[in-house]
N, C-alpha and C. Protein backbone atom coordinates (compact mmCIF):
# COMPACT_ATOMS: atom_id res chain seq x y z
N MET A 1 29.69 -5.31 -2.66
CA MET A 1 30.53 -4.13 -2.72
C MET A 1 30.01 -3.12 -1.73
N ASP A 2 30.80 -2.91 -0.72
CA ASP A 2 30.32 -2.04 0.33
C ASP A 2 31.02 -0.69 0.38
N SER A 3 32.20 -0.59 -0.19
CA SER A 3 32.95 0.65 -0.03
C SER A 3 33.09 1.39 -1.36
N PRO A 4 33.26 2.72 -1.27
CA PRO A 4 33.52 3.49 -2.48
C PRO A 4 34.77 3.00 -3.22
N THR A 5 35.74 2.46 -2.47
CA THR A 5 36.96 1.94 -3.11
C THR A 5 36.63 0.75 -4.00
N ASP A 6 35.77 -0.15 -3.52
CA ASP A 6 35.36 -1.30 -4.34
C ASP A 6 34.66 -0.84 -5.60
N TRP A 7 33.74 0.12 -5.47
CA TRP A 7 33.02 0.62 -6.62
C TRP A 7 33.96 1.36 -7.58
N ALA A 8 34.86 2.14 -7.04
CA ALA A 8 35.82 2.85 -7.90
C ALA A 8 36.64 1.87 -8.71
N GLN A 9 37.08 0.78 -8.08
CA GLN A 9 37.86 -0.23 -8.81
C GLN A 9 37.04 -0.87 -9.92
N LEU A 10 35.79 -1.21 -9.63
CA LEU A 10 34.93 -1.81 -10.65
C LEU A 10 34.69 -0.84 -11.79
N LEU A 11 34.35 0.40 -11.47
CA LEU A 11 34.09 1.39 -12.52
C LEU A 11 35.35 1.69 -13.33
N CYS A 12 36.50 1.67 -12.69
CA CYS A 12 37.77 1.86 -13.41
C CYS A 12 38.00 0.74 -14.42
N VAL A 13 37.72 -0.48 -14.03
CA VAL A 13 37.87 -1.60 -14.95
C VAL A 13 36.89 -1.46 -16.11
N LEU A 14 35.64 -1.15 -15.81
CA LEU A 14 34.63 -1.00 -16.86
C LEU A 14 34.97 0.13 -17.83
N GLY A 15 35.59 1.19 -17.32
CA GLY A 15 35.88 2.35 -18.15
C GLY A 15 37.26 2.42 -18.74
N SER A 16 38.08 1.42 -18.50
CA SER A 16 39.45 1.43 -19.02
C SER A 16 39.52 0.94 -20.45
N GLU A 17 40.60 1.31 -21.10
CA GLU A 17 40.86 0.80 -22.45
C GLU A 17 41.31 -0.65 -22.32
N VAL A 18 40.90 -1.47 -23.26
CA VAL A 18 41.27 -2.88 -23.28
C VAL A 18 42.43 -3.05 -24.24
N GLU A 19 43.46 -3.74 -23.82
CA GLU A 19 44.65 -3.87 -24.65
C GLU A 19 44.75 -5.21 -25.33
N ARG A 20 43.65 -5.95 -25.36
CA ARG A 20 43.65 -7.22 -26.07
C ARG A 20 42.25 -7.49 -26.60
N GLY A 21 42.17 -8.35 -27.57
CA GLY A 21 40.89 -8.65 -28.16
C GLY A 21 40.44 -7.59 -29.14
N GLU A 22 39.24 -7.76 -29.65
CA GLU A 22 38.75 -6.86 -30.69
C GLU A 22 37.98 -5.65 -30.16
N PHE A 23 37.71 -5.59 -28.86
CA PHE A 23 36.96 -4.48 -28.30
C PHE A 23 37.91 -3.46 -27.68
N PRO A 24 37.74 -2.17 -27.98
CA PRO A 24 38.64 -1.16 -27.42
C PRO A 24 38.40 -0.89 -25.94
N ARG A 25 37.20 -1.23 -25.44
CA ARG A 25 36.87 -0.99 -24.03
C ARG A 25 35.69 -1.88 -23.66
N VAL A 26 35.46 -2.01 -22.38
CA VAL A 26 34.36 -2.83 -21.90
C VAL A 26 33.04 -2.05 -21.98
N SER A 27 33.06 -0.78 -21.60
CA SER A 27 31.83 0.02 -21.54
C SER A 27 31.98 1.34 -22.27
N ASP A 28 30.92 1.74 -22.95
CA ASP A 28 30.86 3.07 -23.57
C ASP A 28 30.14 4.07 -22.67
N ASP A 29 29.78 3.65 -21.46
CA ASP A 29 29.01 4.51 -20.56
C ASP A 29 29.83 5.13 -19.44
N ILE A 30 31.01 4.61 -19.20
CA ILE A 30 31.89 5.14 -18.15
C ILE A 30 33.30 5.14 -18.70
N TRP A 31 34.08 6.14 -18.31
CA TRP A 31 35.45 6.24 -18.82
C TRP A 31 36.39 6.48 -17.64
N HIS A 32 37.37 5.61 -17.49
CA HIS A 32 38.43 5.82 -16.52
C HIS A 32 39.50 6.62 -17.24
N PHE A 33 39.57 7.89 -16.92
CA PHE A 33 40.37 8.85 -17.67
C PHE A 33 41.59 9.29 -16.87
N ASP A 34 42.76 9.08 -17.43
CA ASP A 34 44.01 9.56 -16.84
C ASP A 34 44.41 10.82 -17.60
N ALA A 35 44.39 11.95 -16.93
CA ALA A 35 44.64 13.25 -17.56
C ALA A 35 46.08 13.45 -18.00
N GLU A 36 46.95 12.54 -17.65
CA GLU A 36 48.36 12.64 -18.05
C GLU A 36 48.57 11.74 -19.27
N CYS A 37 48.00 12.16 -20.42
CA CYS A 37 47.98 11.28 -21.59
C CYS A 37 48.32 11.98 -22.90
N ILE A 38 48.77 13.21 -22.85
CA ILE A 38 49.05 13.96 -24.07
C ILE A 38 50.55 13.88 -24.36
N GLU A 39 50.89 13.02 -25.30
CA GLU A 39 52.30 12.80 -25.61
C GLU A 39 52.69 13.24 -27.02
N ASP A 40 51.73 13.20 -27.96
CA ASP A 40 52.08 13.49 -29.35
C ASP A 40 50.80 13.72 -30.14
N HIS A 41 50.97 13.93 -31.44
CA HIS A 41 49.83 14.09 -32.33
C HIS A 41 48.90 12.89 -32.17
N GLY A 42 47.62 13.14 -32.22
CA GLY A 42 46.62 12.10 -32.08
C GLY A 42 46.09 11.92 -30.68
N ALA A 43 46.79 12.44 -29.69
CA ALA A 43 46.35 12.27 -28.30
C ALA A 43 45.03 12.98 -28.03
N TYR A 44 44.90 14.22 -28.50
CA TYR A 44 43.64 14.94 -28.30
C TYR A 44 42.52 14.35 -29.15
N VAL A 45 42.85 13.79 -30.30
CA VAL A 45 41.84 13.10 -31.11
C VAL A 45 41.24 11.97 -30.29
N ALA A 46 42.08 11.18 -29.65
CA ALA A 46 41.61 10.05 -28.84
C ALA A 46 40.75 10.53 -27.67
N VAL A 47 41.16 11.60 -27.02
CA VAL A 47 40.40 12.14 -25.88
C VAL A 47 39.03 12.65 -26.33
N VAL A 48 39.01 13.44 -27.38
CA VAL A 48 37.74 13.99 -27.87
C VAL A 48 36.83 12.87 -28.36
N ASP A 49 37.39 11.90 -29.08
CA ASP A 49 36.59 10.76 -29.56
C ASP A 49 35.93 10.03 -28.40
N ARG A 50 36.64 9.89 -27.29
CA ARG A 50 36.06 9.18 -26.13
C ARG A 50 34.92 9.99 -25.51
N PHE A 51 35.08 11.32 -25.44
CA PHE A 51 33.98 12.17 -24.97
C PHE A 51 32.76 12.00 -25.88
N VAL A 52 32.99 11.99 -27.17
CA VAL A 52 31.90 11.82 -28.15
C VAL A 52 31.20 10.48 -27.92
N THR A 53 31.95 9.42 -27.71
CA THR A 53 31.37 8.09 -27.46
C THR A 53 30.46 8.12 -26.24
N LEU A 54 30.89 8.80 -25.18
CA LEU A 54 30.08 8.88 -23.96
C LEU A 54 28.71 9.51 -24.20
N THR A 55 28.61 10.40 -25.18
CA THR A 55 27.34 11.12 -25.41
C THR A 55 26.32 10.29 -26.17
N ARG A 56 26.72 9.14 -26.70
CA ARG A 56 25.78 8.26 -27.42
C ARG A 56 25.02 9.02 -28.51
N GLY A 57 25.75 9.83 -29.29
CA GLY A 57 25.17 10.53 -30.43
C GLY A 57 24.74 11.96 -30.18
N ALA A 58 24.74 12.41 -28.95
CA ALA A 58 24.31 13.78 -28.65
C ALA A 58 25.32 14.83 -29.09
N LEU A 59 26.56 14.43 -29.29
CA LEU A 59 27.61 15.36 -29.71
C LEU A 59 28.27 14.79 -30.97
N PRO A 60 27.68 15.07 -32.15
CA PRO A 60 28.15 14.47 -33.40
C PRO A 60 29.35 15.20 -34.01
N LEU A 61 30.48 15.12 -33.36
CA LEU A 61 31.70 15.73 -33.89
C LEU A 61 32.29 14.81 -34.95
N THR A 62 32.75 15.40 -36.04
CA THR A 62 33.38 14.62 -37.10
C THR A 62 34.71 15.26 -37.48
N ASN A 63 35.50 14.51 -38.21
CA ASN A 63 36.78 14.99 -38.73
C ASN A 63 37.64 15.61 -37.62
N VAL A 64 37.74 14.92 -36.50
CA VAL A 64 38.53 15.41 -35.37
C VAL A 64 40.01 15.27 -35.71
N ARG A 65 40.75 16.32 -35.51
CA ARG A 65 42.20 16.32 -35.77
C ARG A 65 42.89 17.20 -34.72
N ASP A 66 44.18 16.97 -34.56
CA ASP A 66 44.91 17.75 -33.57
C ASP A 66 46.35 17.96 -34.01
N SER A 67 47.03 18.73 -33.24
CA SER A 67 48.48 18.89 -33.35
C SER A 67 48.99 19.09 -31.93
N VAL A 68 50.03 18.34 -31.59
CA VAL A 68 50.61 18.42 -30.26
C VAL A 68 52.12 18.55 -30.41
N GLU A 69 52.66 19.66 -29.93
CA GLU A 69 54.10 19.89 -29.94
C GLU A 69 54.51 20.26 -28.51
N ILE A 70 54.83 19.24 -27.75
CA ILE A 70 55.16 19.46 -26.33
C ILE A 70 56.35 20.40 -26.18
N LYS A 71 57.41 20.16 -26.95
CA LYS A 71 58.62 20.98 -26.81
C LYS A 71 58.37 22.44 -27.16
N ASN A 72 57.53 22.69 -28.16
CA ASN A 72 57.22 24.06 -28.57
C ASN A 72 56.05 24.66 -27.80
N ARG A 73 55.47 23.85 -26.90
CA ARG A 73 54.36 24.28 -26.06
C ARG A 73 53.17 24.77 -26.89
N LYS A 74 52.85 24.01 -27.94
CA LYS A 74 51.73 24.34 -28.81
C LYS A 74 50.86 23.10 -29.00
N ALA A 75 49.57 23.32 -28.95
CA ALA A 75 48.63 22.23 -29.22
C ALA A 75 47.30 22.83 -29.64
N PHE A 76 46.59 22.09 -30.48
CA PHE A 76 45.23 22.46 -30.82
C PHE A 76 44.44 21.20 -31.15
N VAL A 77 43.15 21.35 -31.09
CA VAL A 77 42.23 20.32 -31.57
C VAL A 77 41.17 21.05 -32.39
N GLU A 78 40.75 20.41 -33.47
CA GLU A 78 39.66 20.98 -34.25
C GLU A 78 38.80 19.86 -34.79
N PHE A 79 37.58 20.22 -35.14
CA PHE A 79 36.61 19.23 -35.59
C PHE A 79 35.47 19.96 -36.29
N GLU A 80 34.60 19.17 -36.89
CA GLU A 80 33.43 19.69 -37.56
C GLU A 80 32.22 19.42 -36.67
N LEU A 81 31.34 20.42 -36.58
CA LEU A 81 30.08 20.27 -35.86
C LEU A 81 29.04 21.11 -36.60
N ASP A 82 27.99 20.47 -37.04
CA ASP A 82 26.92 21.16 -37.77
C ASP A 82 27.45 21.93 -38.97
N GLY A 83 28.40 21.34 -39.67
CA GLY A 83 28.94 21.96 -40.88
C GLY A 83 29.95 23.07 -40.65
N GLN A 84 30.30 23.32 -39.41
CA GLN A 84 31.28 24.36 -39.09
C GLN A 84 32.53 23.74 -38.49
N THR A 85 33.67 24.35 -38.80
CA THR A 85 34.92 23.92 -38.19
C THR A 85 35.11 24.69 -36.89
N ILE A 86 35.36 23.94 -35.84
CA ILE A 86 35.66 24.54 -34.53
C ILE A 86 37.12 24.24 -34.23
N HIS A 87 37.87 25.26 -33.90
CA HIS A 87 39.31 25.14 -33.62
C HIS A 87 39.56 25.69 -32.22
N TRP A 88 40.20 24.88 -31.39
CA TRP A 88 40.56 25.32 -30.05
C TRP A 88 42.07 25.20 -29.87
N ASP A 89 42.72 26.32 -29.58
CA ASP A 89 44.11 26.26 -29.15
C ASP A 89 44.11 25.79 -27.71
N LEU A 90 45.07 24.96 -27.36
CA LEU A 90 45.12 24.35 -26.04
C LEU A 90 46.44 24.67 -25.35
N LYS A 91 46.39 24.75 -24.04
CA LYS A 91 47.60 24.99 -23.25
C LYS A 91 48.37 23.68 -23.10
N VAL A 92 49.68 23.80 -23.12
CA VAL A 92 50.54 22.63 -22.96
C VAL A 92 51.17 22.67 -21.57
N HIS A 93 50.90 21.63 -20.80
CA HIS A 93 51.49 21.45 -19.47
C HIS A 93 52.10 20.06 -19.45
N ASP A 94 53.30 19.95 -19.97
CA ASP A 94 53.94 18.65 -20.11
C ASP A 94 52.99 17.70 -20.85
N ASP A 95 52.65 16.57 -20.24
CA ASP A 95 51.77 15.62 -20.93
C ASP A 95 50.36 15.58 -20.35
N TRP A 96 49.94 16.69 -19.72
CA TRP A 96 48.62 16.77 -19.12
C TRP A 96 47.61 17.38 -20.11
N VAL A 97 46.39 16.87 -20.07
CA VAL A 97 45.31 17.45 -20.87
C VAL A 97 45.04 18.86 -20.39
N ASP A 98 44.82 19.77 -21.33
CA ASP A 98 44.43 21.12 -20.97
C ASP A 98 43.09 21.03 -20.23
N PRO A 99 43.03 21.52 -18.97
CA PRO A 99 41.80 21.37 -18.18
C PRO A 99 40.60 22.13 -18.75
N THR A 100 40.81 23.07 -19.65
CA THR A 100 39.68 23.79 -20.24
C THR A 100 38.91 22.93 -21.25
N LEU A 101 39.50 21.84 -21.70
CA LEU A 101 38.84 20.99 -22.70
C LEU A 101 37.51 20.45 -22.18
N TYR A 102 37.47 20.01 -20.94
CA TYR A 102 36.25 19.45 -20.35
C TYR A 102 35.11 20.47 -20.41
N GLY A 103 35.36 21.68 -19.97
CA GLY A 103 34.32 22.71 -19.96
C GLY A 103 33.87 23.09 -21.36
N ARG A 104 34.79 23.13 -22.29
CA ARG A 104 34.43 23.45 -23.67
C ARG A 104 33.52 22.38 -24.26
N LEU A 105 33.86 21.11 -24.02
CA LEU A 105 33.01 20.03 -24.51
C LEU A 105 31.67 20.01 -23.78
N GLN A 106 31.68 20.33 -22.50
CA GLN A 106 30.43 20.42 -21.73
C GLN A 106 29.52 21.48 -22.34
N ASN A 107 30.09 22.61 -22.73
CA ASN A 107 29.31 23.69 -23.34
C ASN A 107 28.70 23.27 -24.67
N LEU A 108 29.34 22.36 -25.38
CA LEU A 108 28.79 21.88 -26.64
C LEU A 108 27.68 20.85 -26.43
N VAL A 109 27.84 19.96 -25.46
CA VAL A 109 26.86 18.89 -25.27
C VAL A 109 25.62 19.37 -24.52
N THR A 110 25.73 20.34 -23.65
CA THR A 110 24.61 20.76 -22.81
C THR A 110 23.37 21.16 -23.62
N PRO A 111 23.48 22.00 -24.64
CA PRO A 111 22.26 22.38 -25.35
C PRO A 111 21.68 21.29 -26.26
N ARG A 112 22.44 20.25 -26.53
CA ARG A 112 21.96 19.22 -27.45
C ARG A 112 21.77 17.86 -26.79
N GLY A 113 22.05 17.77 -25.50
CA GLY A 113 22.02 16.47 -24.82
C GLY A 113 20.70 16.11 -24.18
N ALA A 114 19.63 16.91 -24.36
CA ALA A 114 18.32 16.62 -23.78
C ALA A 114 18.43 16.32 -22.27
N GLY A 115 19.14 17.19 -21.56
CA GLY A 115 19.31 17.02 -20.12
C GLY A 115 20.54 16.21 -19.74
N ARG A 116 21.19 15.64 -20.72
CA ARG A 116 22.39 14.84 -20.47
C ARG A 116 23.61 15.74 -20.60
N ARG A 117 24.52 15.57 -19.65
CA ARG A 117 25.78 16.31 -19.65
C ARG A 117 26.86 15.40 -19.10
N PHE A 118 28.09 15.86 -19.21
CA PHE A 118 29.20 15.10 -18.63
C PHE A 118 29.22 15.31 -17.13
N PHE A 119 29.53 14.25 -16.40
CA PHE A 119 29.78 14.38 -14.97
C PHE A 119 31.01 13.56 -14.61
N ILE A 120 31.64 13.94 -13.51
CA ILE A 120 32.98 13.44 -13.20
C ILE A 120 33.13 13.18 -11.71
N ALA A 121 33.91 12.16 -11.39
CA ALA A 121 34.34 11.90 -10.01
C ALA A 121 35.85 11.84 -10.03
N GLY A 122 36.49 12.76 -9.34
CA GLY A 122 37.94 12.78 -9.28
C GLY A 122 38.48 11.69 -8.39
N LEU A 123 39.56 11.06 -8.85
CA LEU A 123 40.20 9.98 -8.08
C LEU A 123 41.67 10.29 -7.79
N GLY A 124 42.13 11.48 -8.13
CA GLY A 124 43.54 11.85 -8.03
C GLY A 124 43.91 12.46 -9.38
N GLN A 125 44.95 11.95 -10.01
CA GLN A 125 45.28 12.45 -11.35
C GLN A 125 44.35 11.83 -12.39
N ASP A 126 43.64 10.81 -12.01
CA ASP A 126 42.67 10.19 -12.91
C ASP A 126 41.26 10.46 -12.38
N SER A 127 40.28 10.13 -13.20
CA SER A 127 38.90 10.37 -12.81
C SER A 127 37.99 9.40 -13.55
N LEU A 128 36.75 9.37 -13.14
CA LEU A 128 35.72 8.61 -13.83
C LEU A 128 34.77 9.62 -14.46
N LEU A 129 34.49 9.44 -15.74
CA LEU A 129 33.62 10.34 -16.48
C LEU A 129 32.46 9.55 -17.06
N ALA A 130 31.30 10.21 -17.11
CA ALA A 130 30.12 9.63 -17.74
C ALA A 130 29.30 10.79 -18.32
N CYS A 131 28.27 10.43 -19.06
CA CYS A 131 27.37 11.43 -19.62
C CYS A 131 25.95 10.95 -19.35
N GLY A 132 25.17 11.78 -18.69
CA GLY A 132 23.80 11.39 -18.38
C GLY A 132 23.05 12.55 -17.77
N ASP A 133 21.83 12.27 -17.36
CA ASP A 133 21.01 13.30 -16.73
C ASP A 133 21.28 13.32 -15.22
N ASP A 134 20.60 14.22 -14.53
CA ASP A 134 20.86 14.36 -13.09
C ASP A 134 20.45 13.12 -12.32
N ARG A 135 19.42 12.45 -12.77
CA ARG A 135 18.99 11.20 -12.10
C ARG A 135 20.10 10.15 -12.17
N MET A 136 20.72 10.04 -13.34
CA MET A 136 21.82 9.08 -13.50
C MET A 136 23.01 9.47 -12.62
N ARG A 137 23.35 10.75 -12.62
CA ARG A 137 24.48 11.23 -11.82
C ARG A 137 24.24 10.96 -10.34
N GLN A 138 23.06 11.29 -9.86
CA GLN A 138 22.75 11.07 -8.45
C GLN A 138 22.70 9.58 -8.12
N GLY A 139 22.11 8.78 -9.00
CA GLY A 139 22.01 7.35 -8.76
C GLY A 139 23.38 6.68 -8.70
N LEU A 140 24.27 7.05 -9.62
CA LEU A 140 25.61 6.48 -9.62
C LEU A 140 26.38 6.93 -8.39
N SER A 141 26.17 8.17 -7.97
CA SER A 141 26.82 8.67 -6.75
C SER A 141 26.36 7.88 -5.53
N GLU A 142 25.04 7.67 -5.42
CA GLU A 142 24.50 6.95 -4.28
C GLU A 142 24.92 5.49 -4.28
N LEU A 143 24.86 4.85 -5.43
CA LEU A 143 25.24 3.44 -5.54
C LEU A 143 26.71 3.22 -5.19
N SER A 144 27.56 4.08 -5.73
CA SER A 144 29.01 3.87 -5.60
C SER A 144 29.62 4.51 -4.36
N GLY A 145 28.97 5.52 -3.82
CA GLY A 145 29.57 6.27 -2.71
C GLY A 145 30.59 7.29 -3.20
N LEU A 146 30.74 7.42 -4.51
CA LEU A 146 31.64 8.42 -5.10
C LEU A 146 30.84 9.68 -5.37
N LYS A 147 31.49 10.82 -5.34
CA LYS A 147 30.79 12.08 -5.55
C LYS A 147 30.96 12.53 -7.00
N PHE A 148 30.00 12.16 -7.83
CA PHE A 148 30.01 12.61 -9.23
C PHE A 148 29.44 14.00 -9.30
N GLN A 149 30.14 14.87 -10.02
CA GLN A 149 29.76 16.29 -10.11
C GLN A 149 29.69 16.72 -11.57
N TRP A 150 28.91 17.77 -11.83
CA TRP A 150 28.85 18.34 -13.18
C TRP A 150 30.13 19.08 -13.49
N GLU A 151 30.69 19.74 -12.51
CA GLU A 151 31.92 20.51 -12.58
C GLU A 151 31.89 21.58 -13.60
């Protein structure tokens, strides 16, 4: 694999959802995320759950629930963390994820991740996401030729 395109394709396959078999995905360490995925109730639950999976226990969110009303332009996600309910109202832009969600989750994982945080490489409307320390971010960037950023 010599080009960033080859690496991006491999990482996309590793981070994609699997639509057959008993495993929901190939890897819990990388996520091929398409930001145009909010269609109805449960969509933000799936997105937040995937962020939680990437942290490998550093972000122990429980009881994640959401409400998505595209026509009424209303959405929220809420969950439990350390015995407290956290509720975030979200902006509705057709079926796109509210871009503030990434930063909000980053703010939660940073103090508890022991140097691990989310990092991202944009690919267009989709991206590759992972959670790790700066050594991991830099190493994956160098190996793949993709520019992973903390953002």
